[in-house]
Amino acid sequence: MCLMLLAGCSTHKVLTKTEMVKMLPPATLLQACPLPLWIGRTNQDLAVYILELQSIIKQCDNDKALLREWRDSQ
């Protein structure tokens, strides 16, 4: 008990330095989604192009989900 009372009389000061570290998401999650070039002429070509676009949109949605997971893990 006596030591606790004397602790307030100490001249030893502790300095704490706070350092900010900027965290960024992985670069792979920030890349642009590539758009396939439209070179078709038929309705079948258009259908294939639409499927390619849907696949790209799903991949971009997956990237955004990974970004949210990364944000939540910080």
C-alpha atoms as a PDB file:
ATOM      1  CA  MET A   1       0.000   0.000   0.000  1.00  0.00           C
ATOM      2  CA  CYS A   2       2.820   2.347   0.840  1.00  0.00           C
ATOM      3  CA  LEU A   3       4.463   1.750  -2.557  1.00  0.00           C
ATOM      4  CA  MET A   4       1.261   2.702  -4.356  1.00  0.00           C
ATOM      5  CA  LEU A   5       1.208   6.030  -2.564  1.00  0.00           C
ATOM      6  CA  LEU A   6       4.802   6.761  -3.506  1.00  0.00           C
ATOM      7  CA  ALA A   7       4.259   5.934  -7.182  1.00  0.00           C
ATOM      8  CA  GLY A   8       2.545   9.284  -7.686  1.00  0.00           C
ATOM      9  CA  CYS A   9       5.692  11.107  -6.599  1.00  0.00           C
ATOM     10  CA  SER A  10       7.853   9.571  -9.327  1.00  0.00           C
ATOM     11  CA  THR A  11       9.539  11.939 -11.762  1.00  0.00           C
ATOM     12  CA  HIS A  12       9.884   9.215 -14.400  1.00  0.00           C
ATOM     13  CA  LYS A  13       7.573  10.023 -17.300  1.00  0.00           C
ATOM     14  CA  VAL A  14       6.576   7.569 -19.991  1.00  0.00           C
ATOM     15  CA  LEU A  15       6.157   9.016 -23.470  1.00  0.00           C
ATOM     16  CA  THR A  16       4.021   7.196 -25.983  1.00  0.00           C
ATOM     17  CA  LYS A  17       4.384   7.833 -29.689  1.00  0.00           C
ATOM     18  CA  THR A  18       1.409   7.001 -31.878  1.00  0.00           C
ATOM     19  CA  GLU A  19       2.187   6.160 -35.470  1.00  0.00           C
ATOM     20  CA  MET A  20      -0.427   5.985 -38.234  1.00  0.00           C
ATOM     21  CA  VAL A  21       0.010   3.206 -40.777  1.00  0.00           C
ATOM     22  CA  LYS A  22      -1.961   3.558 -43.979  1.00  0.00           C
ATOM     23  CA  MET A  23      -3.410   0.229 -45.050  1.00  0.00           C
ATOM     24  CA  LEU A  24      -4.545  -0.280 -48.627  1.00  0.00           C
ATOM     25  CA  PRO A  25      -6.461  -3.155 -50.181  1.00  0.00           C
ATOM     26  CA  PRO A  26      -4.543  -5.621 -52.327  1.00  0.00           C
ATOM     27  CA  ALA A  27      -3.847  -4.210 -55.795  1.00  0.00           C
ATOM     28  CA  THR A  28      -5.477  -7.211 -57.472  1.00  0.00           C
ATOM     29  CA  LEU A  29      -8.823  -6.120 -56.035  1.00  0.00           C
ATOM     30  CA  LEU A  30      -8.492  -2.625 -57.466  1.00  0.00           C
ATOM     31  CA  GLN A  31      -7.900  -3.584 -61.076  1.00  0.00           C
ATOM     32  CA  ALA A  32     -10.413  -2.534 -63.700  1.00  0.00           C
ATOM     33  CA  CYS A  33     -12.736  -5.189 -65.080  1.00  0.00           C
ATOM     34  CA  PRO A  34     -11.767  -5.901 -68.693  1.00  0.00           C
ATOM     35  CA  LEU A  35     -14.502  -5.536 -71.290  1.00  0.00           C
ATOM     36  CA  PRO A  36     -14.362  -7.955 -74.197  1.00  0.00           C
ATOM     37  CA  LEU A  37     -14.335  -6.369 -77.615  1.00  0.00           C
ATOM     38  CA  TRP A  38     -17.567  -6.790 -79.571  1.00  0.00           C
ATOM     39  CA  ILE A  39     -16.716  -8.207 -83.002  1.00  0.00           C
ATOM     40  CA  GLY A  40     -19.810 -10.300 -83.691  1.00  0.00           C
ATOM     41  CA  ARG A  41     -22.330 -10.057 -86.493  1.00  0.00           C
ATOM     42  CA  THR A  42     -25.023 -12.568 -85.634  1.00  0.00           C
ATOM     43  CA  ASN A  43     -27.558 -13.049 -82.869  1.00  0.00           C
ATOM     44  CA  GLN A  44     -25.546 -16.047 -81.696  1.00  0.00           C
ATOM     45  CA  ASP A  45     -22.456 -13.837 -81.442  1.00  0.00           C
ATOM     46  CA  LEU A  46     -24.508 -11.378 -79.401  1.00  0.00           C
ATOM     47  CA  ALA A  47     -25.677 -14.152 -77.060  1.00  0.00           C
ATOM     48  CA  VAL A  48     -22.090 -15.286 -76.500  1.00  0.00           C
ATOM     49  CA  TYR A  49     -21.034 -11.680 -75.870  1.00  0.00           C
ATOM     50  CA  ILE A  50     -23.802 -11.271 -73.276  1.00  0.00           C
ATOM     51  CA  LEU A  51     -22.604 -14.414 -71.477  1.00  0.00           C
ATOM     52  CA  GLU A  52     -19.050 -13.030 -71.443  1.00  0.00           C
ATOM     53  CA  LEU A  53     -20.300  -9.744 -69.991  1.00  0.00           C
ATOM     54  CA  GLN A  54     -22.295 -11.559 -67.303  1.00  0.00           C
ATOM     55  CA  SER A  55     -19.200 -13.534 -66.346  1.00  0.00           C
ATOM     56  CA  ILE A  56     -17.171 -10.327 -66.035  1.00  0.00           C
ATOM     57  CA  ILE A  57     -19.862  -8.699 -63.885  1.00  0.00           C
ATOM     58  CA  LYS A  58     -19.878 -11.724 -61.557  1.00  0.00           C
ATOM     59  CA  GLN A  59     -16.088 -11.535 -61.242  1.00  0.00           C
ATOM     60  CA  CYS A  60     -16.253  -7.812 -60.434  1.00  0.00           C
ATOM     61  CA  ASP A  61     -18.935  -8.501 -57.824  1.00  0.00           C
ATOM     62  CA  ASN A  62     -16.631 -11.124 -56.320  1.00  0.00           C
ATOM     63  CA  ASP A  63     -13.810  -8.555 -56.163  1.00  0.00           C
ATOM     64  CA  LYS A  64     -16.100  -6.167 -54.281  1.00  0.00           C
ATOM     65  CA  ALA A  65     -17.044  -8.915 -51.818  1.00  0.00           C
ATOM     66  CA  LEU A  66     -13.334  -9.566 -51.206  1.00  0.00           C
ATOM     67  CA  LEU A  67     -12.803  -5.836 -50.631  1.00  0.00           C
ATOM     68  CA  ARG A  68     -15.580  -5.845 -48.019  1.00  0.00           C
ATOM     69  CA  GLU A  69     -13.994  -8.879 -46.322  1.00  0.00           C
ATOM     70  CA  TRP A  70     -10.618  -7.111 -46.312  1.00  0.00           C
ATOM     71  CA  ARG A  71     -12.195  -3.948 -44.844  1.00  0.00           C
ATOM     72  CA  ASP A  72     -13.961  -5.927 -42.132  1.00  0.00           C
ATOM     73  CA  SER A  73     -10.740  -7.731 -41.183  1.00  0.00           C
ATOM     74  CA  GLN A  74      -8.903  -4.462 -40.464  1.00  0.00           C
END
